[in-house]
Amino acid sequence: MHIKIRAFGIAKDILSATTLSYDIPDGSTIQDLKSILLQDYPDFERLRSLAFAINESYVEDGNEIRQGDEVVLIPPVSGG
């Protein structure tokens, strides 16, 4: 199935893009996508945490991704 990925911060740097189109197997979950991204982009291993959102709502690892969804990768932020 076809999804859109949008990335911010260091996640954008790892992907070398702010947005990209991605094909994943039907019925994939966020956990499945994490595994796929780690395989394709091993630098994601450097991140201690990475939040995910689907269509502007934060989600957990077990959430299923559907055709046409936009998955947002939100790296940890710091500041003061």
N, C-alpha and C. Protein backbone atom coordinates (compact mmCIF):
# COMPACT_ATOMS: atom_id res chain seq x y z
N MET A 1 0.85 -1.17 0.00
CA MET A 1 0.00 0.00 0.00
C MET A 1 0.89 1.23 0.00
N HIS A 2 0.34 2.31 -0.44
CA HIS A 2 1.09 3.55 -0.62
C HIS A 2 0.76 4.54 0.49
N ILE A 3 1.81 5.05 1.16
CA ILE A 3 1.62 6.06 2.20
C ILE A 3 2.58 7.22 1.95
N LYS A 4 2.32 8.31 2.66
CA LYS A 4 3.20 9.47 2.61
C LYS A 4 3.86 9.60 3.98
N ILE A 5 5.16 9.84 3.98
CA ILE A 5 5.90 10.06 5.23
C ILE A 5 6.38 11.49 5.25
N ARG A 6 6.15 12.15 6.38
CA ARG A 6 6.64 13.52 6.59
C ARG A 6 7.56 13.46 7.81
N ALA A 7 8.73 14.08 7.70
CA ALA A 7 9.72 14.00 8.77
C ALA A 7 10.17 15.39 9.20
N PHE A 8 10.52 15.48 10.48
CA PHE A 8 11.01 16.73 11.06
C PHE A 8 12.35 16.48 11.75
N GLY A 9 13.11 17.56 11.95
CA GLY A 9 14.35 17.50 12.71
C GLY A 9 15.33 16.48 12.17
N ILE A 10 15.92 15.72 13.09
CA ILE A 10 16.92 14.73 12.70
C ILE A 10 16.34 13.63 11.82
N ALA A 11 15.07 13.33 11.99
CA ALA A 11 14.42 12.32 11.13
C ALA A 11 14.46 12.78 9.68
N LYS A 12 14.26 14.06 9.45
CA LYS A 12 14.33 14.63 8.10
C LYS A 12 15.76 14.49 7.56
N ASP A 13 16.74 14.73 8.42
CA ASP A 13 18.13 14.60 8.00
C ASP A 13 18.47 13.16 7.63
N ILE A 14 17.98 12.20 8.40
CA ILE A 14 18.24 10.78 8.12
C ILE A 14 17.63 10.37 6.80
N LEU A 15 16.40 10.82 6.53
CA LEU A 15 15.72 10.48 5.27
C LEU A 15 16.22 11.29 4.09
N SER A 16 16.93 12.39 4.38
CA SER A 16 17.38 13.34 3.34
C SER A 16 16.19 13.92 2.58
N ALA A 17 15.06 14.05 3.28
CA ALA A 17 13.87 14.62 2.66
C ALA A 17 12.87 14.99 3.75
N THR A 18 12.06 15.98 3.46
CA THR A 18 10.98 16.34 4.38
C THR A 18 9.78 15.44 4.18
N THR A 19 9.50 15.11 2.94
CA THR A 19 8.39 14.19 2.63
C THR A 19 8.86 13.17 1.61
N LEU A 20 8.27 12.00 1.69
CA LEU A 20 8.53 11.00 0.68
C LEU A 20 7.36 10.04 0.61
N SER A 21 7.21 9.41 -0.52
CA SER A 21 6.19 8.39 -0.72
C SER A 21 6.83 7.06 -0.43
N TYR A 22 6.04 6.16 0.19
CA TYR A 22 6.61 4.89 0.61
C TYR A 22 5.58 3.79 0.39
N ASP A 23 6.04 2.64 -0.04
CA ASP A 23 5.17 1.48 -0.20
C ASP A 23 5.47 0.49 0.92
N ILE A 24 4.42 0.08 1.62
CA ILE A 24 4.55 -0.90 2.71
C ILE A 24 3.47 -1.96 2.51
N PRO A 25 3.66 -3.14 3.11
CA PRO A 25 2.64 -4.19 2.95
C PRO A 25 1.30 -3.80 3.56
N ASP A 26 0.22 -4.26 2.96
CA ASP A 26 -1.12 -4.05 3.51
C ASP A 26 -1.18 -4.58 4.94
N GLY A 27 -1.90 -3.89 5.80
CA GLY A 27 -2.05 -4.32 7.18
C GLY A 27 -0.88 -3.98 8.09
N SER A 28 0.08 -3.20 7.60
CA SER A 28 1.25 -2.84 8.40
C SER A 28 0.85 -1.94 9.57
N THR A 29 1.56 -2.11 10.67
CA THR A 29 1.38 -1.27 11.85
C THR A 29 2.55 -0.30 11.95
N ILE A 30 2.46 0.60 12.91
CA ILE A 30 3.57 1.52 13.16
C ILE A 30 4.83 0.73 13.49
N GLN A 31 4.71 -0.33 14.28
CA GLN A 31 5.88 -1.16 14.61
C GLN A 31 6.50 -1.76 13.35
N ASP A 32 5.66 -2.20 12.42
CA ASP A 32 6.16 -2.73 11.15
C ASP A 32 6.91 -1.65 10.38
N LEU A 33 6.35 -0.44 10.36
CA LEU A 33 7.00 0.66 9.65
C LEU A 33 8.33 1.00 10.31
N LYS A 34 8.38 0.98 11.64
CA LYS A 34 9.66 1.23 12.34
C LYS A 34 10.71 0.23 11.88
N SER A 35 10.34 -1.04 11.79
CA SER A 35 11.29 -2.07 11.36
C SER A 35 11.75 -1.83 9.92
N ILE A 36 10.82 -1.46 9.06
CA ILE A 36 11.15 -1.19 7.66
C ILE A 36 12.10 0.00 7.57
N LEU A 37 11.80 1.07 8.31
CA LEU A 37 12.66 2.25 8.26
C LEU A 37 14.04 1.96 8.82
N LEU A 38 14.13 1.17 9.89
CA LEU A 38 15.44 0.80 10.43
C LEU A 38 16.25 0.00 9.43
N GLN A 39 15.58 -0.86 8.69
CA GLN A 39 16.27 -1.65 7.68
C GLN A 39 16.77 -0.75 6.54
N ASP A 40 15.92 0.16 6.09
CA ASP A 40 16.27 1.03 4.97
C ASP A 40 17.17 2.20 5.37
N TYR A 41 17.04 2.66 6.62
CA TYR A 41 17.79 3.81 7.13
C TYR A 41 18.35 3.47 8.51
N PRO A 42 19.48 2.74 8.56
CA PRO A 42 20.04 2.29 9.84
C PRO A 42 20.35 3.42 10.82
N ASP A 43 20.51 4.64 10.35
CA ASP A 43 20.80 5.76 11.26
C ASP A 43 19.66 6.04 12.24
N PHE A 44 18.46 5.53 11.97
CA PHE A 44 17.37 5.70 12.93
C PHE A 44 17.69 5.02 14.26
N GLU A 45 18.60 4.07 14.24
CA GLU A 45 19.02 3.39 15.47
C GLU A 45 19.61 4.37 16.48
N ARG A 46 20.15 5.49 16.00
CA ARG A 46 20.77 6.51 16.88
C ARG A 46 19.75 7.23 17.76
N LEU A 47 18.51 7.25 17.36
CA LEU A 47 17.50 8.00 18.10
C LEU A 47 17.00 7.22 19.30
N ARG A 48 16.99 7.86 20.45
CA ARG A 48 16.48 7.20 21.66
C ARG A 48 14.97 7.05 21.61
N SER A 49 14.32 8.02 21.03
CA SER A 49 12.87 7.94 20.90
C SER A 49 12.46 8.63 19.61
N LEU A 50 11.37 8.19 19.09
CA LEU A 50 10.82 8.77 17.86
C LEU A 50 9.31 8.59 17.94
N ALA A 51 8.59 9.70 18.00
CA ALA A 51 7.13 9.63 18.06
C ALA A 51 6.58 9.55 16.64
N PHE A 52 5.43 8.91 16.53
CA PHE A 52 4.76 8.77 15.24
C PHE A 52 3.34 9.33 15.34
N ALA A 53 2.89 9.93 14.26
CA ALA A 53 1.51 10.38 14.16
C ALA A 53 0.97 9.90 12.82
N ILE A 54 -0.31 9.61 12.81
CA ILE A 54 -1.00 9.29 11.56
C ILE A 54 -2.07 10.35 11.38
N ASN A 55 -1.99 11.05 10.25
CA ASN A 55 -2.97 12.08 9.93
C ASN A 55 -3.19 13.04 11.11
N GLU A 56 -2.09 13.51 11.68
CA GLU A 56 -2.06 14.54 12.72
C GLU A 56 -2.45 14.07 14.12
N SER A 57 -2.57 12.76 14.35
CA SER A 57 -2.87 12.23 15.68
C SER A 57 -1.75 11.28 16.11
N TYR A 58 -1.21 11.52 17.31
CA TYR A 58 -0.18 10.63 17.82
C TYR A 58 -0.72 9.21 17.93
N VAL A 59 0.15 8.22 17.63
CA VAL A 59 -0.26 6.83 17.65
C VAL A 59 0.79 5.97 18.36
N GLU A 60 0.37 4.77 18.72
CA GLU A 60 1.24 3.78 19.36
C GLU A 60 1.70 2.75 18.33
N ASP A 61 2.62 1.89 18.73
CA ASP A 61 3.20 0.89 17.83
C ASP A 61 2.17 -0.03 17.17
N GLY A 62 1.09 -0.35 17.87
CA GLY A 62 0.11 -1.29 17.35
C GLY A 62 -0.90 -0.71 16.38
N ASN A 63 -0.88 0.62 16.20
CA ASN A 63 -1.85 1.23 15.29
C ASN A 63 -1.59 0.80 13.84
N GLU A 64 -2.67 0.44 13.16
CA GLU A 64 -2.57 0.03 11.76
C GLU A 64 -2.53 1.25 10.86
N ILE A 65 -1.74 1.14 9.82
CA ILE A 65 -1.62 2.20 8.82
C ILE A 65 -2.48 1.81 7.63
N ARG A 66 -3.20 2.77 7.09
CA ARG A 66 -4.10 2.50 5.97
C ARG A 66 -3.61 3.21 4.70
N GLN A 67 -4.04 2.68 3.58
CA GLN A 67 -3.71 3.26 2.28
C GLN A 67 -3.96 4.75 2.29
N GLY A 68 -2.99 5.53 1.83
CA GLY A 68 -3.15 6.97 1.71
C GLY A 68 -2.87 7.76 2.98
N ASP A 69 -2.60 7.08 4.11
CA ASP A 69 -2.30 7.79 5.35
C ASP A 69 -1.02 8.60 5.21
N GLU A 70 -0.97 9.68 5.99
CA GLU A 70 0.28 10.43 6.14
C GLU A 70 0.83 10.10 7.51
N VAL A 71 2.03 9.53 7.53
CA VAL A 71 2.70 9.18 8.77
C VAL A 71 3.76 10.24 9.03
N VAL A 72 3.71 10.83 10.22
CA VAL A 72 4.66 11.89 10.58
C VAL A 72 5.65 11.34 11.60
N LEU A 73 6.94 11.56 11.33
CA LEU A 73 8.01 11.15 12.25
C LEU A 73 8.44 12.36 13.05
N ILE A 74 8.32 12.24 14.36
CA ILE A 74 8.58 13.38 15.26
C ILE A 74 9.71 12.99 16.21
N PRO A 75 10.92 13.50 15.97
CA PRO A 75 12.06 13.16 16.83
C PRO A 75 11.96 13.90 18.18
N PRO A 76 12.77 13.45 19.14
CA PRO A 76 12.78 14.16 20.41
C PRO A 76 13.26 15.60 20.22
N VAL A 77 12.75 16.49 21.03
CA VAL A 77 13.16 17.88 20.94
C VAL A 77 13.72 18.32 22.29
N SER A 78 14.58 19.29 22.24
CA SER A 78 15.11 19.85 23.48
C SER A 78 15.11 21.35 23.34
N GLY A 79 15.23 22.00 24.42
CA GLY A 79 15.25 23.45 24.37
C GLY A 79 15.01 24.01 25.76
N GLY A 80 14.94 25.28 25.83
CA GLY A 80 14.77 25.87 27.14
C GLY A 80 13.96 27.12 27.09
